[in-house]
Amino acid sequence: MEYLYHYYDESTGPFRNLTDLPPTEAENMLQTIRQLKKGFASQRSMDYLAIRRSLESKARELFIRKGGMPVRSCPHYMTLGKCPWLAGWYPSGRVLQYALADFDPGSISFTYGDLFPAMRFQDGKPYRNQVYTVDEIFLVINQFGMPQQWNPLGDQGPERYIEVQVWDDSPLRLPGIRSSE
């Protein structure tokens, strides 16, 4: 059975997204995170939120073209398979685990790697600028492997995990398995 993982900071809780907030509130929150030097998010560029909103919109549109049925305008983020490195992004990193089978395939999309490099890098790799369905991502994995296995240190490119974009809150109401990794 395949599992999806959500990494988050204990102090803020799971499934909290800056892009769920109105733009001004999101910018203020990101500025506070930067000032507190709170985890990986404190290192993000000044245009981070504008880029993120644009990439999320692009991913949503690509997913709809493939038959996806997103409910949310911006996704929640998870990984396909474990990626303990992500827990280190947070001062008090925690993780939730869910069974892939608990998600409607029409509500989740995938990128081979994080959304930012997957959509922005122009290095000719065939999985760039692509959003995948559940069935498609397993074909990509069969061809290229799991980034967590071939690139755990990130020294072979930006692909460190397969990102899952969750476009519906419903499955997240199920009790995930919690751990601190």
C-alpha atoms as a PDB file:
ATOM      1  CA  MET A   1       0.000   0.000   0.000  1.00  0.00           C
ATOM      2  CA  GLU A   2       1.265   3.461  -0.888  1.00  0.00           C
ATOM      3  CA  TYR A   3       1.229   6.307   1.621  1.00  0.00           C
ATOM      4  CA  LEU A   4       1.131  10.083   1.454  1.00  0.00           C
ATOM      5  CA  TYR A   5       2.996  12.170   4.038  1.00  0.00           C
ATOM      6  CA  HIS A   6       2.419  15.716   5.236  1.00  0.00           C
ATOM      7  CA  TYR A   7       5.265  17.494   7.032  1.00  0.00           C
ATOM      8  CA  TYR A   8       4.519  20.503   9.242  1.00  0.00           C
ATOM      9  CA  ASP A   9       5.622  22.412  12.321  1.00  0.00           C
ATOM     10  CA  GLU A  10       4.063  21.386  15.622  1.00  0.00           C
ATOM     11  CA  SER A  11       3.492  25.027  16.627  1.00  0.00           C
ATOM     12  CA  THR A  12       1.288  25.821  13.625  1.00  0.00           C
ATOM     13  CA  GLY A  13      -0.327  22.457  12.984  1.00  0.00           C
ATOM     14  CA  PRO A  14      -0.927  20.571   9.745  1.00  0.00           C
ATOM     15  CA  PHE A  15      -2.394  21.769   6.459  1.00  0.00           C
ATOM     16  CA  ARG A  16      -1.825  25.492   6.975  1.00  0.00           C
ATOM     17  CA  ASN A  17      -1.182  27.266   3.687  1.00  0.00           C
ATOM     18  CA  LEU A  18      -0.139  30.839   3.109  1.00  0.00           C
ATOM     19  CA  THR A  19      -2.053  30.880  -0.169  1.00  0.00           C
ATOM     20  CA  ASP A  20      -5.295  30.132   1.678  1.00  0.00           C
ATOM     21  CA  LEU A  21      -4.945  33.615   3.164  1.00  0.00           C
ATOM     22  CA  PRO A  22      -5.812  36.875   1.409  1.00  0.00           C
ATOM     23  CA  PRO A  23      -2.674  38.233  -0.337  1.00  0.00           C
ATOM     24  CA  THR A  24      -1.911  41.023   2.160  1.00  0.00           C
ATOM     25  CA  GLU A  25      -2.401  38.742   5.155  1.00  0.00           C
ATOM     26  CA  ALA A  26      -0.225  36.067   3.542  1.00  0.00           C
ATOM     27  CA  GLU A  27       2.562  38.608   2.875  1.00  0.00           C
ATOM     28  CA  ASN A  28       2.375  39.814   6.484  1.00  0.00           C
ATOM     29  CA  MET A  29       2.550  36.240   7.772  1.00  0.00           C
ATOM     30  CA  LEU A  30       5.543  35.446   5.560  1.00  0.00           C
ATOM     31  CA  GLN A  31       7.263  38.628   6.738  1.00  0.00           C
ATOM     32  CA  THR A  32       6.742  37.532  10.362  1.00  0.00           C
ATOM     33  CA  ILE A  33       8.200  34.107   9.540  1.00  0.00           C
ATOM     34  CA  ARG A  34      11.222  35.798   7.968  1.00  0.00           C
ATOM     35  CA  GLN A  35      11.745  38.062  10.988  1.00  0.00           C
ATOM     36  CA  LEU A  36      11.511  35.130  13.399  1.00  0.00           C
ATOM     37  CA  LYS A  37      13.812  33.099  11.141  1.00  0.00           C
ATOM     38  CA  LYS A  38      11.322  30.270  11.624  1.00  0.00           C
ATOM     39  CA  GLY A  39      12.421  27.274   9.573  1.00  0.00           C
ATOM     40  CA  PHE A  40      12.923  26.919   5.852  1.00  0.00           C
ATOM     41  CA  ALA A  41      10.089  29.340   4.987  1.00  0.00           C
ATOM     42  CA  SER A  42      12.100  32.225   6.460  1.00  0.00           C
ATOM     43  CA  GLN A  43      14.542  31.939   3.537  1.00  0.00           C
ATOM     44  CA  ARG A  44      11.963  32.481   0.788  1.00  0.00           C
ATOM     45  CA  SER A  45      12.386  35.306  -1.714  1.00  0.00           C
ATOM     46  CA  MET A  46      10.349  38.505  -1.669  1.00  0.00           C
ATOM     47  CA  ASP A  47       8.362  37.411  -4.746  1.00  0.00           C
ATOM     48  CA  TYR A  48       7.728  33.902  -3.366  1.00  0.00           C
ATOM     49  CA  LEU A  49       3.974  34.242  -2.860  1.00  0.00           C
ATOM     50  CA  ALA A  50       3.327  35.723  -6.303  1.00  0.00           C
ATOM     51  CA  ILE A  51       5.312  32.888  -7.912  1.00  0.00           C
ATOM     52  CA  ARG A  52       3.610  30.273  -5.752  1.00  0.00           C
ATOM     53  CA  ARG A  53       0.110  31.525  -6.588  1.00  0.00           C
ATOM     54  CA  SER A  54       0.980  31.495 -10.285  1.00  0.00           C
ATOM     55  CA  LEU A  55       2.406  27.960 -10.131  1.00  0.00           C
ATOM     56  CA  GLU A  56      -0.567  26.668  -8.135  1.00  0.00           C
ATOM     57  CA  SER A  57      -2.938  28.153 -10.702  1.00  0.00           C
ATOM     58  CA  LYS A  58      -0.955  26.536 -13.528  1.00  0.00           C
ATOM     59  CA  ALA A  59      -0.910  23.154 -11.760  1.00  0.00           C
ATOM     60  CA  ARG A  60      -4.660  23.355 -11.137  1.00  0.00           C
ATOM     61  CA  GLU A  61      -5.370  24.164 -14.788  1.00  0.00           C
ATOM     62  CA  LEU A  62      -3.122  21.338 -16.042  1.00  0.00           C
ATOM     63  CA  PHE A  63      -4.833  18.928 -13.649  1.00  0.00           C
ATOM     64  CA  ILE A  64      -8.297  19.970 -14.849  1.00  0.00           C
ATOM     65  CA  ARG A  65      -7.201  19.379 -18.459  1.00  0.00           C
ATOM     66  CA  LYS A  66      -6.350  15.799 -17.453  1.00  0.00           C
ATOM     67  CA  GLY A  67      -9.781  15.253 -15.915  1.00  0.00           C
ATOM     68  CA  GLY A  68      -8.964  16.323 -12.369  1.00  0.00           C
ATOM     69  CA  MET A  69     -11.767  17.774 -10.289  1.00  0.00           C
ATOM     70  CA  PRO A  70     -10.163  20.134  -7.768  1.00  0.00           C
ATOM     71  CA  VAL A  71     -12.419  21.513  -5.057  1.00  0.00           C
ATOM     72  CA  ARG A  72      -9.853  23.882  -3.562  1.00  0.00           C
ATOM     73  CA  SER A  73      -8.374  26.821  -5.462  1.00  0.00           C
ATOM     74  CA  CYS A  74      -4.933  26.117  -3.952  1.00  0.00           C
ATOM     75  CA  PRO A  75      -3.642  22.733  -2.849  1.00  0.00           C
ATOM     76  CA  HIS A  76      -2.440  21.227   0.362  1.00  0.00           C
ATOM     77  CA  TYR A  77       0.975  19.607  -0.055  1.00  0.00           C
ATOM     78  CA  MET A  78       2.109  16.081   0.726  1.00  0.00           C
ATOM     79  CA  THR A  79       4.713  13.663  -0.558  1.00  0.00           C
ATOM     80  CA  LEU A  80       4.310  10.248  -2.098  1.00  0.00           C
ATOM     81  CA  GLY A  81       6.429   8.107   0.191  1.00  0.00           C
ATOM     82  CA  LYS A  82       8.497   9.247   3.153  1.00  0.00           C
ATOM     83  CA  CYS A  83      10.921  12.145   2.920  1.00  0.00           C
ATOM     84  CA  PRO A  84      12.339  12.700   6.428  1.00  0.00           C
ATOM     85  CA  TRP A  85      14.490  15.548   5.108  1.00  0.00           C
ATOM     86  CA  LEU A  86      11.320  17.698   5.004  1.00  0.00           C
ATOM     87  CA  ALA A  87      10.819  17.427   8.767  1.00  0.00           C
ATOM     88  CA  GLY A  88      14.043  19.430   9.066  1.00  0.00           C
ATOM     89  CA  TRP A  89      12.353  22.404   7.362  1.00  0.00           C
ATOM     90  CA  TYR A  90      10.558  23.093  10.640  1.00  0.00           C
ATOM     91  CA  PRO A  91      11.786  23.941  14.143  1.00  0.00           C
ATOM     92  CA  SER A  92       9.524  21.190  15.573  1.00  0.00           C
ATOM     93  CA  GLY A  93       8.870  19.030  12.530  1.00  0.00           C
ATOM     94  CA  ARG A  94       6.029  16.533  12.602  1.00  0.00           C
ATOM     95  CA  VAL A  95       4.468  14.263   9.997  1.00  0.00           C
ATOM     96  CA  LEU A  96       1.062  12.806   9.185  1.00  0.00           C
ATOM     97  CA  GLN A  97       0.663   9.649   7.108  1.00  0.00           C
ATOM     98  CA  TYR A  98      -2.402   8.788   5.008  1.00  0.00           C
ATOM     99  CA  ALA A  99      -3.150   5.859   2.723  1.00  0.00           C
ATOM    100  CA  LEU A 100      -3.215   6.844  -0.941  1.00  0.00           C
ATOM    101  CA  ALA A 101      -6.371   4.728  -1.256  1.00  0.00           C
ATOM    102  CA  ASP A 102      -8.197   7.222   1.011  1.00  0.00           C
ATOM    103  CA  PHE A 103      -8.003   9.896  -1.710  1.00  0.00           C
ATOM    104  CA  ASP A 104     -10.240  10.269  -4.739  1.00  0.00           C
ATOM    105  CA  PRO A 105      -7.889  10.191  -7.760  1.00  0.00           C
ATOM    106  CA  GLY A 106      -9.756  13.206  -9.150  1.00  0.00           C
ATOM    107  CA  SER A 107      -8.669  15.286  -6.162  1.00  0.00           C
ATOM    108  CA  ILE A 108      -4.898  14.747  -6.172  1.00  0.00           C
ATOM    109  CA  SER A 109      -2.203  15.616  -8.648  1.00  0.00           C
ATOM    110  CA  PHE A 110       1.535  14.980  -8.584  1.00  0.00           C
ATOM    111  CA  THR A 111       4.738  16.637  -9.685  1.00  0.00           C
ATOM    112  CA  TYR A 112       8.051  14.831 -10.003  1.00  0.00           C
ATOM    113  CA  GLY A 113       9.813  16.922  -7.416  1.00  0.00           C
ATOM    114  CA  ASP A 114       8.656  20.054  -5.655  1.00  0.00           C
ATOM    115  CA  LEU A 115       6.213  22.226  -7.601  1.00  0.00           C
ATOM    116  CA  PHE A 116       8.725  25.101  -7.888  1.00  0.00           C
ATOM    117  CA  PRO A 117      11.557  23.312  -9.686  1.00  0.00           C
ATOM    118  CA  ALA A 118       9.159  20.964 -11.477  1.00  0.00           C
ATOM    119  CA  MET A 119       7.416  23.926 -13.113  1.00  0.00           C
ATOM    120  CA  ARG A 120      10.271  26.434 -13.358  1.00  0.00           C
ATOM    121  CA  PHE A 121      13.504  24.618 -14.235  1.00  0.00           C
ATOM    122  CA  GLN A 122      14.287  24.563 -17.936  1.00  0.00           C
ATOM    123  CA  ASP A 123      16.798  21.707 -18.098  1.00  0.00           C
ATOM    124  CA  GLY A 124      15.085  19.519 -20.679  1.00  0.00           C
ATOM    125  CA  LYS A 125      14.035  16.770 -18.276  1.00  0.00           C
ATOM    126  CA  PRO A 126      10.783  15.232 -19.550  1.00  0.00           C
ATOM    127  CA  TYR A 127       8.967  15.575 -16.227  1.00  0.00           C
ATOM    128  CA  ARG A 128       9.333  19.373 -16.096  1.00  0.00           C
ATOM    129  CA  ASN A 129       6.220  21.513 -16.529  1.00  0.00           C
ATOM    130  CA  GLN A 130       4.060  18.446 -15.955  1.00  0.00           C
ATOM    131  CA  VAL A 131       1.298  17.574 -13.536  1.00  0.00           C
ATOM    132  CA  TYR A 132       0.472  13.894 -13.256  1.00  0.00           C
ATOM    133  CA  THR A 133      -2.576  11.864 -12.284  1.00  0.00           C
ATOM    134  CA  VAL A 134      -2.320   8.890  -9.925  1.00  0.00           C
ATOM    135  CA  ASP A 135      -1.932   6.439 -12.807  1.00  0.00           C
ATOM    136  CA  GLU A 136       0.567   8.620 -14.635  1.00  0.00           C
ATOM    137  CA  ILE A 137       2.879   9.206 -11.664  1.00  0.00           C
ATOM    138  CA  PHE A 138       3.485   5.478 -11.277  1.00  0.00           C
ATOM    139  CA  LEU A 139       4.570   5.283 -14.928  1.00  0.00           C
ATOM    140  CA  VAL A 140       7.003   8.154 -14.271  1.00  0.00           C
ATOM    141  CA  ILE A 141       8.303   6.378 -11.152  1.00  0.00           C
ATOM    142  CA  ASN A 142       8.827   3.199 -13.173  1.00  0.00           C
ATOM    143  CA  GLN A 143      10.938   5.207 -15.618  1.00  0.00           C
ATOM    144  CA  PHE A 144      12.889   7.510 -13.275  1.00  0.00           C
ATOM    145  CA  GLY A 145      12.598   5.958  -9.801  1.00  0.00           C
ATOM    146  CA  MET A 146      11.729   7.596  -6.502  1.00  0.00           C
ATOM    147  CA  PRO A 147      13.764  10.781  -5.915  1.00  0.00           C
ATOM    148  CA  GLN A 148      13.903   9.969  -2.202  1.00  0.00           C
ATOM    149  CA  GLN A 149      15.951   6.905  -3.136  1.00  0.00           C
ATOM    150  CA  TRP A 150      18.286   8.214  -5.844  1.00  0.00           C
ATOM    151  CA  ASN A 151      18.719  11.757  -4.505  1.00  0.00           C
ATOM    152  CA  PRO A 152      18.272  11.775  -0.717  1.00  0.00           C
ATOM    153  CA  LEU A 153      20.959  14.446  -0.212  1.00  0.00           C
ATOM    154  CA  GLY A 154      19.816  16.680  -3.074  1.00  0.00           C
ATOM    155  CA  ASP A 155      23.246  16.570  -4.688  1.00  0.00           C
ATOM    156  CA  GLN A 156      21.889  15.278  -8.017  1.00  0.00           C
ATOM    157  CA  GLY A 157      19.349  18.030  -8.661  1.00  0.00           C
ATOM    158  CA  PRO A 158      16.279  19.563  -7.050  1.00  0.00           C
ATOM    159  CA  GLU A 159      14.219  16.380  -7.132  1.00  0.00           C
ATOM    160  CA  ARG A 160      14.093  15.158  -3.523  1.00  0.00           C
ATOM    161  CA  TYR A 161      10.542  13.744  -3.427  1.00  0.00           C
ATOM    162  CA  ILE A 162       7.362  13.383  -5.429  1.00  0.00           C
ATOM    163  CA  GLU A 163       4.997  16.136  -4.404  1.00  0.00           C
ATOM    164  CA  VAL A 164       1.279  15.538  -4.061  1.00  0.00           C
ATOM    165  CA  GLN A 165      -1.122  18.418  -4.522  1.00  0.00           C
ATOM    166  CA  VAL A 166      -4.312  17.705  -2.563  1.00  0.00           C
ATOM    167  CA  TRP A 167      -7.242  19.650  -4.025  1.00  0.00           C
ATOM    168  CA  ASP A 168      -9.941  18.598  -1.528  1.00  0.00           C
ATOM    169  CA  ASP A 169     -10.117  18.859   2.267  1.00  0.00           C
ATOM    170  CA  SER A 170     -12.434  15.856   2.714  1.00  0.00           C
ATOM    171  CA  PRO A 171      -9.828  13.058   2.982  1.00  0.00           C
ATOM    172  CA  LEU A 172      -7.764  15.171   5.382  1.00  0.00           C
ATOM    173  CA  ARG A 173     -10.553  14.937   7.936  1.00  0.00           C
ATOM    174  CA  LEU A 174      -9.687  11.255   8.338  1.00  0.00           C
ATOM    175  CA  PRO A 175      -7.342  10.581  11.232  1.00  0.00           C
ATOM    176  CA  GLY A 176      -3.833  10.428   9.835  1.00  0.00           C
ATOM    177  CA  ILE A 177      -1.127   8.450  11.586  1.00  0.00           C
ATOM    178  CA  ARG A 178       1.019  10.963  13.489  1.00  0.00           C
ATOM    179  CA  SER A 179       4.715  10.672  14.226  1.00  0.00           C
ATOM    180  CA  SER A 180       7.656  12.979  14.840  1.00  0.00           C
ATOM    181  CA  GLU A 181      10.073  11.187  12.430  1.00  0.00           C
END
